[in-house]
Amino acid sequence: MATIKIKQTKSRIGAPETQRRTLDALGLTKMNRVVEHEDNPSIRGLINKVHHLVTVID
């Protein structure tokens, strides 16, 4: 299955608790950290929830 790289580009400071937990679920704990996940609808949903804090890399 295809993979997708996600990079946290903005700080979690000031974000609601649910968005902080979403970043934790994606494995993003620090700024500019890049993680790789399988490209599936559940991961896309998590990305959509915090789209203003992350960037999707090809």
PDB file of N, CA and C in Angstrom:
ATOM      1  N   MET A   1       0.836  -1.183   0.000  1.00  0.00           N
ATOM      2  CA  MET A   1       0.000   0.000   0.000  1.00  0.00           C
ATOM      3  C   MET A   1       0.884   1.252   0.000  1.00  0.00           C
ATOM      4  N   ALA A   2       0.373   2.319  -0.537  1.00  0.00           N
ATOM      5  CA  ALA A   2       1.130   3.572  -0.623  1.00  0.00           C
ATOM      6  C   ALA A   2       1.313   4.185   0.762  1.00  0.00           C
ATOM      7  N   THR A   3       2.386   4.943   0.890  1.00  0.00           N
ATOM      8  CA  THR A   3       2.643   5.619   2.157  1.00  0.00           C
ATOM      9  C   THR A   3       2.538   7.119   1.964  1.00  0.00           C
ATOM     10  N   ILE A   4       2.398   7.808   3.075  1.00  0.00           N
ATOM     11  CA  ILE A   4       2.262   9.255   3.065  1.00  0.00           C
ATOM     12  C   ILE A   4       3.151   9.811   4.172  1.00  0.00           C
ATOM     13  N   LYS A   5       3.861  10.897   3.884  1.00  0.00           N
ATOM     14  CA  LYS A   5       4.714  11.543   4.876  1.00  0.00           C
ATOM     15  C   LYS A   5       4.017  12.791   5.381  1.00  0.00           C
ATOM     16  N   ILE A   6       4.044  12.973   6.697  1.00  0.00           N
ATOM     17  CA  ILE A   6       3.373  14.096   7.342  1.00  0.00           C
ATOM     18  C   ILE A   6       4.394  14.836   8.180  1.00  0.00           C
ATOM     19  N   LYS A   7       4.422  16.168   8.051  1.00  0.00           N
ATOM     20  CA  LYS A   7       5.358  16.989   8.801  1.00  0.00           C
ATOM     21  C   LYS A   7       4.578  18.005   9.624  1.00  0.00           C
ATOM     22  N   GLN A   8       4.927  18.128  10.900  1.00  0.00           N
ATOM     23  CA  GLN A   8       4.292  19.140  11.746  1.00  0.00           C
ATOM     24  C   GLN A   8       4.980  20.468  11.491  1.00  0.00           C
ATOM     25  N   THR A   9       4.223  21.463  11.002  1.00  0.00           N
ATOM     26  CA  THR A   9       4.803  22.745  10.622  1.00  0.00           C
ATOM     27  C   THR A   9       4.458  23.865  11.596  1.00  0.00           C
ATOM     28  N   LYS A  10       3.442  23.673  12.417  1.00  0.00           N
ATOM     29  CA  LYS A  10       3.067  24.697  13.395  1.00  0.00           C
ATOM     30  C   LYS A  10       2.992  24.082  14.778  1.00  0.00           C
ATOM     31  N   SER A  11       3.137  24.926  15.784  1.00  0.00           N
ATOM     32  CA  SER A  11       3.195  24.476  17.163  1.00  0.00           C
ATOM     33  C   SER A  11       1.833  24.014  17.669  1.00  0.00           C
ATOM     34  N   ARG A  12       1.886  23.070  18.596  1.00  0.00           N
ATOM     35  CA  ARG A  12       0.673  22.589  19.245  1.00  0.00           C
ATOM     36  C   ARG A  12       0.255  23.466  20.414  1.00  0.00           C
ATOM     37  N   ILE A  13       1.087  24.438  20.780  1.00  0.00           N
ATOM     38  CA  ILE A  13       0.768  25.323  21.893  1.00  0.00           C
ATOM     39  C   ILE A  13      -0.474  26.144  21.537  1.00  0.00           C
ATOM     40  N   GLY A  14      -1.444  26.134  22.396  1.00  0.00           N
ATOM     41  CA  GLY A  14      -2.683  26.869  22.164  1.00  0.00           C
ATOM     42  C   GLY A  14      -3.739  26.065  21.433  1.00  0.00           C
ATOM     43  N   ALA A  15      -3.385  24.874  20.952  1.00  0.00           N
ATOM     44  CA  ALA A  15      -4.353  24.025  20.260  1.00  0.00           C
ATOM     45  C   ALA A  15      -5.223  23.309  21.289  1.00  0.00           C
ATOM     46  N   PRO A  16      -6.460  23.004  20.936  1.00  0.00           N
ATOM     47  CA  PRO A  16      -7.325  22.267  21.863  1.00  0.00           C
ATOM     48  C   PRO A  16      -6.750  20.875  22.170  1.00  0.00           C
ATOM     49  N   GLU A  17      -7.171  20.330  23.281  1.00  0.00           N
ATOM     50  CA  GLU A  17      -6.665  19.026  23.723  1.00  0.00           C
ATOM     51  C   GLU A  17      -6.918  17.928  22.686  1.00  0.00           C
ATOM     52  N   THR A  18      -8.066  17.978  22.020  1.00  0.00           N
ATOM     53  CA  THR A  18      -8.360  16.935  21.028  1.00  0.00           C
ATOM     54  C   THR A  18      -7.374  16.977  19.864  1.00  0.00           C
ATOM     55  N   GLN A  19      -6.966  18.171  19.470  1.00  0.00           N
ATOM     56  CA  GLN A  19      -5.997  18.287  18.383  1.00  0.00           C
ATOM     57  C   GLN A  19      -4.616  17.838  18.833  1.00  0.00           C
ATOM     58  N   ARG A  20      -4.259  18.095  20.086  1.00  0.00           N
ATOM     59  CA  ARG A  20      -2.979  17.618  20.619  1.00  0.00           C
ATOM     60  C   ARG A  20      -2.950  16.093  20.650  1.00  0.00           C
ATOM     61  N   ARG A  21      -4.067  15.496  21.023  1.00  0.00           N
ATOM     62  CA  ARG A  21      -4.146  14.031  21.031  1.00  0.00           C
ATOM     63  C   ARG A  21      -4.083  13.466  19.628  1.00  0.00           C
ATOM     64  N   THR A  22      -4.643  14.159  18.666  1.00  0.00           N
ATOM     65  CA  THR A  22      -4.569  13.729  17.274  1.00  0.00           C
ATOM     66  C   THR A  22      -3.129  13.760  16.781  1.00  0.00           C
ATOM     67  N   LEU A  23      -2.390  14.809  17.126  1.00  0.00           N
ATOM     68  CA  LEU A  23      -0.974  14.870  16.755  1.00  0.00           C
ATOM     69  C   LEU A  23      -0.199  13.730  17.407  1.00  0.00           C
ATOM     70  N   ASP A  24      -0.509  13.426  18.654  1.00  0.00           N
ATOM     71  CA  ASP A  24       0.136  12.293  19.328  1.00  0.00           C
ATOM     72  C   ASP A  24      -0.181  10.985  18.619  1.00  0.00           C
ATOM     73  N   ALA A  25      -1.424  10.819  18.186  1.00  0.00           N
ATOM     74  CA  ALA A  25      -1.822   9.595  17.486  1.00  0.00           C
ATOM     75  C   ALA A  25      -1.079   9.448  16.160  1.00  0.00           C
ATOM     76  N   LEU A  26      -0.773  10.579  15.526  1.00  0.00           N
ATOM     77  CA  LEU A  26      -0.014  10.538  14.285  1.00  0.00           C
ATOM     78  C   LEU A  26       1.483  10.346  14.534  1.00  0.00           C
ATOM     79  N   GLY A  27       1.910  10.496  15.780  1.00  0.00           N
ATOM     80  CA  GLY A  27       3.325  10.343  16.102  1.00  0.00           C
ATOM     81  C   GLY A  27       4.109  11.632  15.999  1.00  0.00           C
ATOM     82  N   LEU A  28       3.409  12.756  15.961  1.00  0.00           N
ATOM     83  CA  LEU A  28       4.057  14.059  15.849  1.00  0.00           C
ATOM     84  C   LEU A  28       4.123  14.703  17.224  1.00  0.00           C
ATOM     85  N   THR A  29       5.315  14.739  17.798  1.00  0.00           N
ATOM     86  CA  THR A  29       5.461  15.272  19.146  1.00  0.00           C
ATOM     87  C   THR A  29       6.279  16.555  19.184  1.00  0.00           C
ATOM     88  N   LYS A  30       7.010  16.862  18.115  1.00  0.00           N
ATOM     89  CA  LYS A  30       7.825  18.070  18.070  1.00  0.00           C
ATOM     90  C   LYS A  30       7.678  18.740  16.712  1.00  0.00           C
ATOM     91  N   MET A  31       8.046  20.011  16.679  1.00  0.00           N
ATOM     92  CA  MET A  31       8.003  20.771  15.429  1.00  0.00           C
ATOM     93  C   MET A  31       8.969  20.181  14.405  1.00  0.00           C
ATOM     94  N   ASN A  32       8.592  20.253  13.140  1.00  0.00           N
ATOM     95  CA  ASN A  32       9.403  19.820  11.998  1.00  0.00           C
ATOM     96  C   ASN A  32       9.722  18.329  12.000  1.00  0.00           C
ATOM     97  N   ARG A  33       9.026  17.565  12.795  1.00  0.00           N
ATOM     98  CA  ARG A  33       9.205  16.110  12.781  1.00  0.00           C
ATOM     99  C   ARG A  33       8.393  15.528  11.629  1.00  0.00           C
ATOM    100  N   VAL A  34       8.974  14.551  10.931  1.00  0.00           N
ATOM    101  CA  VAL A  34       8.309  13.915   9.795  1.00  0.00           C
ATOM    102  C   VAL A  34       8.045  12.462  10.157  1.00  0.00           C
ATOM    103  N   VAL A  35       6.817  12.002   9.932  1.00  0.00           N
ATOM    104  CA  VAL A  35       6.448  10.609  10.147  1.00  0.00           C
ATOM    105  C   VAL A  35       5.865  10.054   8.856  1.00  0.00           C
ATOM    106  N   GLU A  36       5.907   8.744   8.730  1.00  0.00           N
ATOM    107  CA  GLU A  36       5.386   8.090   7.535  1.00  0.00           C
ATOM    108  C   GLU A  36       4.327   7.079   7.951  1.00  0.00           C
ATOM    109  N   HIS A  37       3.170   7.151   7.315  1.00  0.00           N
ATOM    110  CA  HIS A  37       2.058   6.244   7.586  1.00  0.00           C
ATOM    111  C   HIS A  37       1.524   5.700   6.271  1.00  0.00           C
ATOM    112  N   GLU A  38       0.780   4.604   6.362  1.00  0.00           N
ATOM    113  CA  GLU A  38       0.084   4.107   5.188  1.00  0.00           C
ATOM    114  C   GLU A  38      -1.027   5.085   4.827  1.00  0.00           C
ATOM    115  N   ASP A  39      -1.254   5.242   3.538  1.00  0.00           N
ATOM    116  CA  ASP A  39      -2.283   6.176   3.072  1.00  0.00           C
ATOM    117  C   ASP A  39      -3.628   5.461   3.065  1.00  0.00           C
ATOM    118  N   ASN A  40      -4.401   5.661   4.141  1.00  0.00           N
ATOM    119  CA  ASN A  40      -5.733   5.072   4.220  1.00  0.00           C
ATOM    120  C   ASN A  40      -6.711   6.110   4.764  1.00  0.00           C
ATOM    121  N   PRO A  41      -7.997   5.841   4.680  1.00  0.00           N
ATOM    122  CA  PRO A  41      -8.989   6.842   5.093  1.00  0.00           C
ATOM    123  C   PRO A  41      -8.887   7.278   6.550  1.00  0.00           C
ATOM    124  N   SER A  42      -8.489   6.398   7.447  1.00  0.00           N
ATOM    125  CA  SER A  42      -8.406   6.790   8.855  1.00  0.00           C
ATOM    126  C   SER A  42      -7.275   7.792   9.082  1.00  0.00           C
ATOM    127  N   ILE A  43      -6.142   7.585   8.438  1.00  0.00           N
ATOM    128  CA  ILE A  43      -5.028   8.526   8.554  1.00  0.00           C
ATOM    129  C   ILE A  43      -5.405   9.845   7.889  1.00  0.00           C
ATOM    130  N   ARG A  44      -6.066   9.781   6.747  1.00  0.00           N
ATOM    131  CA  ARG A  44      -6.512  11.009   6.073  1.00  0.00           C
ATOM    132  C   ARG A  44      -7.468  11.797   6.959  1.00  0.00           C
ATOM    133  N   GLY A  45      -8.315  11.116   7.718  1.00  0.00           N
ATOM    134  CA  GLY A  45      -9.229  11.793   8.633  1.00  0.00           C
ATOM    135  C   GLY A  45      -8.491  12.504   9.754  1.00  0.00           C
ATOM    136  N   LEU A  46      -7.442  11.855  10.283  1.00  0.00           N
ATOM    137  CA  LEU A  46      -6.640  12.496  11.322  1.00  0.00           C
ATOM    138  C   LEU A  46      -5.931  13.731  10.770  1.00  0.00           C
ATOM    139  N   ILE A  47      -5.410  13.612   9.553  1.00  0.00           N
ATOM    140  CA  ILE A  47      -4.729  14.746   8.923  1.00  0.00           C
ATOM    141  C   ILE A  47      -5.713  15.891   8.713  1.00  0.00           C
ATOM    142  N   ASN A  48      -6.924  15.563   8.293  1.00  0.00           N
ATOM    143  CA  ASN A  48      -7.934  16.592   8.046  1.00  0.00           C
ATOM    144  C   ASN A  48      -8.292  17.342   9.326  1.00  0.00           C
ATOM    145  N   LYS A  49      -8.231  16.655  10.453  1.00  0.00           N
ATOM    146  CA  LYS A  49      -8.578  17.278  11.730  1.00  0.00           C
ATOM    147  C   LYS A  49      -7.540  18.318  12.151  1.00  0.00           C
ATOM    148  N   VAL A  50      -6.273  18.119  11.787  1.00  0.00           N
ATOM    149  CA  VAL A  50      -5.202  19.033  12.176  1.00  0.00           C
ATOM    150  C   VAL A  50      -4.492  19.601  10.943  1.00  0.00           C
ATOM    151  N   HIS A  51      -5.238  19.794   9.855  1.00  0.00           N
ATOM    152  CA  HIS A  51      -4.650  20.225   8.587  1.00  0.00           C
ATOM    153  C   HIS A  51      -3.927  21.572   8.690  1.00  0.00           C
ATOM    154  N   HIS A  52      -4.321  22.399   9.649  1.00  0.00           N
ATOM    155  CA  HIS A  52      -3.700  23.724   9.803  1.00  0.00           C
ATOM    156  C   HIS A  52      -2.374  23.650  10.565  1.00  0.00           C
ATOM    157  N   LEU A  53      -2.049  22.482  11.141  1.00  0.00           N
ATOM    158  CA  LEU A  53      -0.811  22.309  11.887  1.00  0.00           C
ATOM    159  C   LEU A  53       0.219  21.448  11.155  1.00  0.00           C
ATOM    160  N   VAL A  54      -0.207  20.748  10.121  1.00  0.00           N
ATOM    161  CA  VAL A  54       0.680  19.802   9.442  1.00  0.00           C
ATOM    162  C   VAL A  54       0.737  20.075   7.952  1.00  0.00           C
ATOM    163  N   THR A  55       1.753  19.479   7.307  1.00  0.00           N
ATOM    164  CA  THR A  55       1.901  19.531   5.855  1.00  0.00           C
ATOM    165  C   THR A  55       2.108  18.109   5.363  1.00  0.00           C
ATOM    166  N   VAL A  56       1.456  17.763   4.256  1.00  0.00           N
ATOM    167  CA  VAL A  56       1.627  16.448   3.658  1.00  0.00           C
ATOM    168  C   VAL A  56       2.730  16.546   2.604  1.00  0.00           C
ATOM    169  N   ILE A  57       3.725  15.668   2.731  1.00  0.00           N
ATOM    170  CA  ILE A  57       4.842  15.624   1.800  1.00  0.00           C
ATOM    171  C   ILE A  57       4.606  14.467   0.842  1.00  0.00           C
ATOM    172  N   ASP A  58       4.960  14.656  -0.415  1.00  0.00           N
ATOM    173  CA  ASP A  58       4.796  13.571  -1.406  1.00  0.00           C
ATOM    174  C   ASP A  58       5.425  12.358  -0.860  1.00  0.00           C
TER     175      ASP A  58
END
